[in-house]
């Protein structure tokens, strides 16, 4: 014989589980410490500076090329 369950209790438990999953996902996405946030920001700034440092300041054209203007 199967076990008798209360459907209302089961539905409430499923809702609690879903809320817990959503909360865990939000904590993983937004729940970082200030040190972690500042480290991530510093790494992004350094990557941006490094990329800008490799950018050519002025495109070089060959000396015998016609003037585009």
N, C-alpha and C. Protein backbone atom coordinates (compact mmCIF):
# COMPACT_ATOMS: atom_id res chain seq x y z
N UNK A 1 0.83 -1.17 0.00
CA UNK A 1 0.00 0.00 0.00
C UNK A 1 0.89 1.25 0.00
N UNK A 2 0.47 2.29 -0.67
CA UNK A 2 1.28 3.50 -0.73
C UNK A 2 1.01 4.37 0.49
N UNK A 3 1.94 5.28 0.69
CA UNK A 3 1.85 6.16 1.85
C UNK A 3 0.92 7.33 1.55
N UNK A 4 0.13 7.73 2.54
CA UNK A 4 -0.80 8.83 2.38
C UNK A 4 -0.04 10.14 2.60
N UNK A 5 -0.25 11.09 1.68
CA UNK A 5 0.41 12.39 1.81
C UNK A 5 -0.63 13.50 1.77
N UNK A 6 -0.32 14.60 2.40
CA UNK A 6 -1.19 15.77 2.38
C UNK A 6 -0.73 16.65 1.22
N UNK A 7 -1.56 16.84 0.22
CA UNK A 7 -1.18 17.58 -0.98
C UNK A 7 -0.90 19.05 -0.68
N UNK A 8 -1.64 19.63 0.26
CA UNK A 8 -1.40 21.03 0.61
C UNK A 8 0.00 21.20 1.20
N UNK A 9 0.39 20.30 2.06
CA UNK A 9 1.73 20.36 2.66
C UNK A 9 2.80 20.15 1.60
N UNK A 10 2.55 19.23 0.69
CA UNK A 10 3.51 18.95 -0.38
C UNK A 10 3.67 20.17 -1.29
N UNK A 11 2.57 20.86 -1.61
CA UNK A 11 2.61 22.06 -2.45
C UNK A 11 3.37 23.18 -1.75
N UNK A 12 3.14 23.36 -0.46
CA UNK A 12 3.86 24.40 0.30
C UNK A 12 5.35 24.09 0.34
N UNK A 13 5.69 22.83 0.53
CA UNK A 13 7.10 22.44 0.56
C UNK A 13 7.77 22.68 -0.79
N UNK A 14 7.05 22.42 -1.87
CA UNK A 14 7.60 22.66 -3.21
C UNK A 14 7.82 24.16 -3.42
N UNK A 15 6.89 24.99 -2.93
CA UNK A 15 7.05 26.44 -3.05
C UNK A 15 8.25 26.92 -2.24
N UNK A 16 8.42 26.37 -1.04
CA UNK A 16 9.58 26.73 -0.21
C UNK A 16 10.88 26.33 -0.89
N UNK A 17 10.90 25.16 -1.49
CA UNK A 17 12.11 24.69 -2.19
C UNK A 17 12.44 25.61 -3.38
N UNK A 18 11.41 26.02 -4.11
CA UNK A 18 11.64 26.90 -5.25
C UNK A 18 12.18 28.25 -4.78
N UNK A 19 11.63 28.78 -3.70
CA UNK A 19 12.10 30.05 -3.15
C UNK A 19 13.54 29.93 -2.69
N UNK A 20 13.87 28.80 -2.08
CA UNK A 20 15.24 28.58 -1.61
C UNK A 20 16.21 28.52 -2.80
N UNK A 21 15.81 27.84 -3.88
CA UNK A 21 16.66 27.77 -5.07
C UNK A 21 16.89 29.16 -5.66
N UNK A 22 15.82 29.95 -5.74
CA UNK A 22 15.96 31.31 -6.27
C UNK A 22 16.88 32.15 -5.39
N UNK A 23 16.73 32.00 -4.08
CA UNK A 23 17.57 32.74 -3.16
C UNK A 23 19.03 32.34 -3.26
N UNK A 24 19.28 31.05 -3.42
CA UNK A 24 20.66 30.58 -3.58
C UNK A 24 21.28 31.11 -4.86
N UNK A 25 20.48 31.16 -5.93
CA UNK A 25 20.99 31.69 -7.20
C UNK A 25 21.32 33.17 -7.06
N UNK A 26 20.45 33.93 -6.38
CA UNK A 26 20.71 35.36 -6.17
C UNK A 26 21.94 35.56 -5.30
N UNK A 27 22.10 34.74 -4.28
CA UNK A 27 23.26 34.87 -3.40
C UNK A 27 24.54 34.58 -4.16
N UNK A 28 24.50 33.62 -5.06
CA UNK A 28 25.69 33.30 -5.86
C UNK A 28 26.00 34.43 -6.83
N UNK A 29 24.97 35.08 -7.34
CA UNK A 29 25.17 36.14 -8.31
C UNK A 29 25.54 37.47 -7.65
N UNK A 30 24.89 37.81 -6.55
CA UNK A 30 25.07 39.13 -5.96
C UNK A 30 25.76 39.10 -4.60
N UNK A 31 25.91 37.97 -4.01
CA UNK A 31 26.40 37.90 -2.64
C UNK A 31 27.90 37.85 -2.54
N UNK A 32 28.58 38.82 -3.11
CA UNK A 32 30.03 38.84 -3.04
C UNK A 32 30.47 39.88 -2.04
N UNK A 33 31.59 39.65 -1.40
CA UNK A 33 32.09 40.60 -0.42
C UNK A 33 32.66 41.83 -1.12
N UNK A 34 32.88 42.87 -0.35
CA UNK A 34 33.41 44.11 -0.92
C UNK A 34 34.80 43.87 -1.51
N UNK A 35 35.59 43.05 -0.85
CA UNK A 35 36.94 42.75 -1.36
C UNK A 35 36.86 42.04 -2.71
N UNK A 36 35.95 41.10 -2.85
CA UNK A 36 35.80 40.40 -4.13
C UNK A 36 35.33 41.35 -5.22
N UNK A 37 34.39 42.24 -4.89
CA UNK A 37 33.90 43.20 -5.88
C UNK A 37 35.02 44.14 -6.31
N UNK A 38 35.80 44.63 -5.35
CA UNK A 38 36.87 45.56 -5.71
C UNK A 38 37.97 44.85 -6.50
N UNK A 39 38.24 43.59 -6.18
CA UNK A 39 39.24 42.84 -6.93
C UNK A 39 38.79 42.63 -8.37
N UNK A 40 37.52 42.29 -8.57
CA UNK A 40 36.98 42.11 -9.91
C UNK A 40 37.05 43.43 -10.69
N UNK A 41 36.69 44.52 -10.03
CA UNK A 41 36.74 45.82 -10.69
C UNK A 41 38.17 46.21 -11.04
N UNK A 42 39.13 45.93 -10.15
CA UNK A 42 40.53 46.26 -10.42
C UNK A 42 41.06 45.43 -11.59
N UNK A 43 40.68 44.16 -11.65
CA UNK A 43 41.13 43.33 -12.77
C UNK A 43 40.55 43.82 -14.09
N UNK A 44 39.28 44.23 -14.08
CA UNK A 44 38.66 44.74 -15.30
C UNK A 44 39.33 46.04 -15.74
N UNK A 45 39.65 46.91 -14.77
CA UNK A 45 40.33 48.16 -15.10
C UNK A 45 41.71 47.90 -15.69
N UNK A 46 42.44 46.94 -15.11
CA UNK A 46 43.77 46.62 -15.63
C UNK A 46 43.68 46.05 -17.04
N UNK A 47 42.72 45.18 -17.27
CA UNK A 47 42.54 44.61 -18.60
C UNK A 47 42.21 45.71 -19.61
N UNK A 48 41.36 46.66 -19.22
CA UNK A 48 41.02 47.77 -20.10
C UNK A 48 42.24 48.64 -20.39
N UNK A 49 43.04 48.93 -19.35
CA UNK A 49 44.26 49.74 -19.55
C UNK A 49 45.25 49.02 -20.45
N UNK A 50 45.43 47.72 -20.23
CA UNK A 50 46.36 46.95 -21.07
C UNK A 50 45.91 46.94 -22.53
N UNK A 51 44.61 46.78 -22.73
CA UNK A 51 44.09 46.78 -24.10
C UNK A 51 44.27 48.15 -24.74
N UNK A 52 43.98 49.20 -24.00
CA UNK A 52 44.17 50.56 -24.53
C UNK A 52 45.65 50.86 -24.75
N UNK A 53 46.52 50.26 -23.97
CA UNK A 53 47.96 50.47 -24.13
C UNK A 53 48.49 49.86 -25.42
N UNK A 54 47.82 48.84 -25.92
CA UNK A 54 48.26 48.20 -27.16
C UNK A 54 47.64 48.84 -28.39
N UNK A 55 46.73 49.77 -28.17
CA UNK A 55 46.07 50.44 -29.29
C UNK A 55 47.04 51.41 -29.97
N UNK A 56 46.97 51.45 -31.26
CA UNK A 56 47.82 52.38 -32.01
C UNK A 56 47.22 53.77 -31.92
N UNK A 57 48.06 54.74 -31.66
CA UNK A 57 47.58 56.11 -31.50
C UNK A 57 47.15 56.71 -32.83
N UNK A 58 47.90 56.42 -33.89
CA UNK A 58 47.63 57.02 -35.18
C UNK A 58 47.81 55.95 -36.25
N UNK A 59 46.80 55.69 -37.05
CA UNK A 59 47.00 54.68 -38.10
C UNK A 59 48.08 55.15 -39.08
N UNK A 60 48.99 54.27 -39.36
CA UNK A 60 50.11 54.60 -40.24
C UNK A 60 49.75 54.18 -41.67
N UNK A 61 49.91 55.11 -42.61
CA UNK A 61 49.67 54.78 -44.01
C UNK A 61 51.00 54.81 -44.75
N UNK A 62 51.13 54.04 -45.79
CA UNK A 62 52.39 54.06 -46.55
C UNK A 62 52.63 55.46 -47.15
N UNK A 63 53.87 55.84 -47.28
CA UNK A 63 54.17 57.19 -47.75
C UNK A 63 53.72 57.46 -49.20
N UNK A 64 53.63 56.43 -50.04
CA UNK A 64 53.25 56.67 -51.42
C UNK A 64 51.75 56.45 -51.67
N UNK A 65 50.97 56.23 -50.62
CA UNK A 65 49.54 56.02 -50.76
C UNK A 65 48.84 57.35 -51.02
N UNK A 66 47.82 57.36 -51.86
CA UNK A 66 47.10 58.61 -52.14
C UNK A 66 46.32 59.06 -50.91
N UNK A 67 46.14 60.34 -50.77
CA UNK A 67 45.42 60.92 -49.66
C UNK A 67 43.92 60.59 -49.80
N UNK A 68 43.28 60.01 -48.77
CA UNK A 68 41.90 59.60 -48.92
C UNK A 68 40.92 60.76 -48.98
N UNK A 69 41.34 61.95 -48.61
CA UNK A 69 40.40 63.08 -48.61
C UNK A 69 40.34 63.81 -49.92
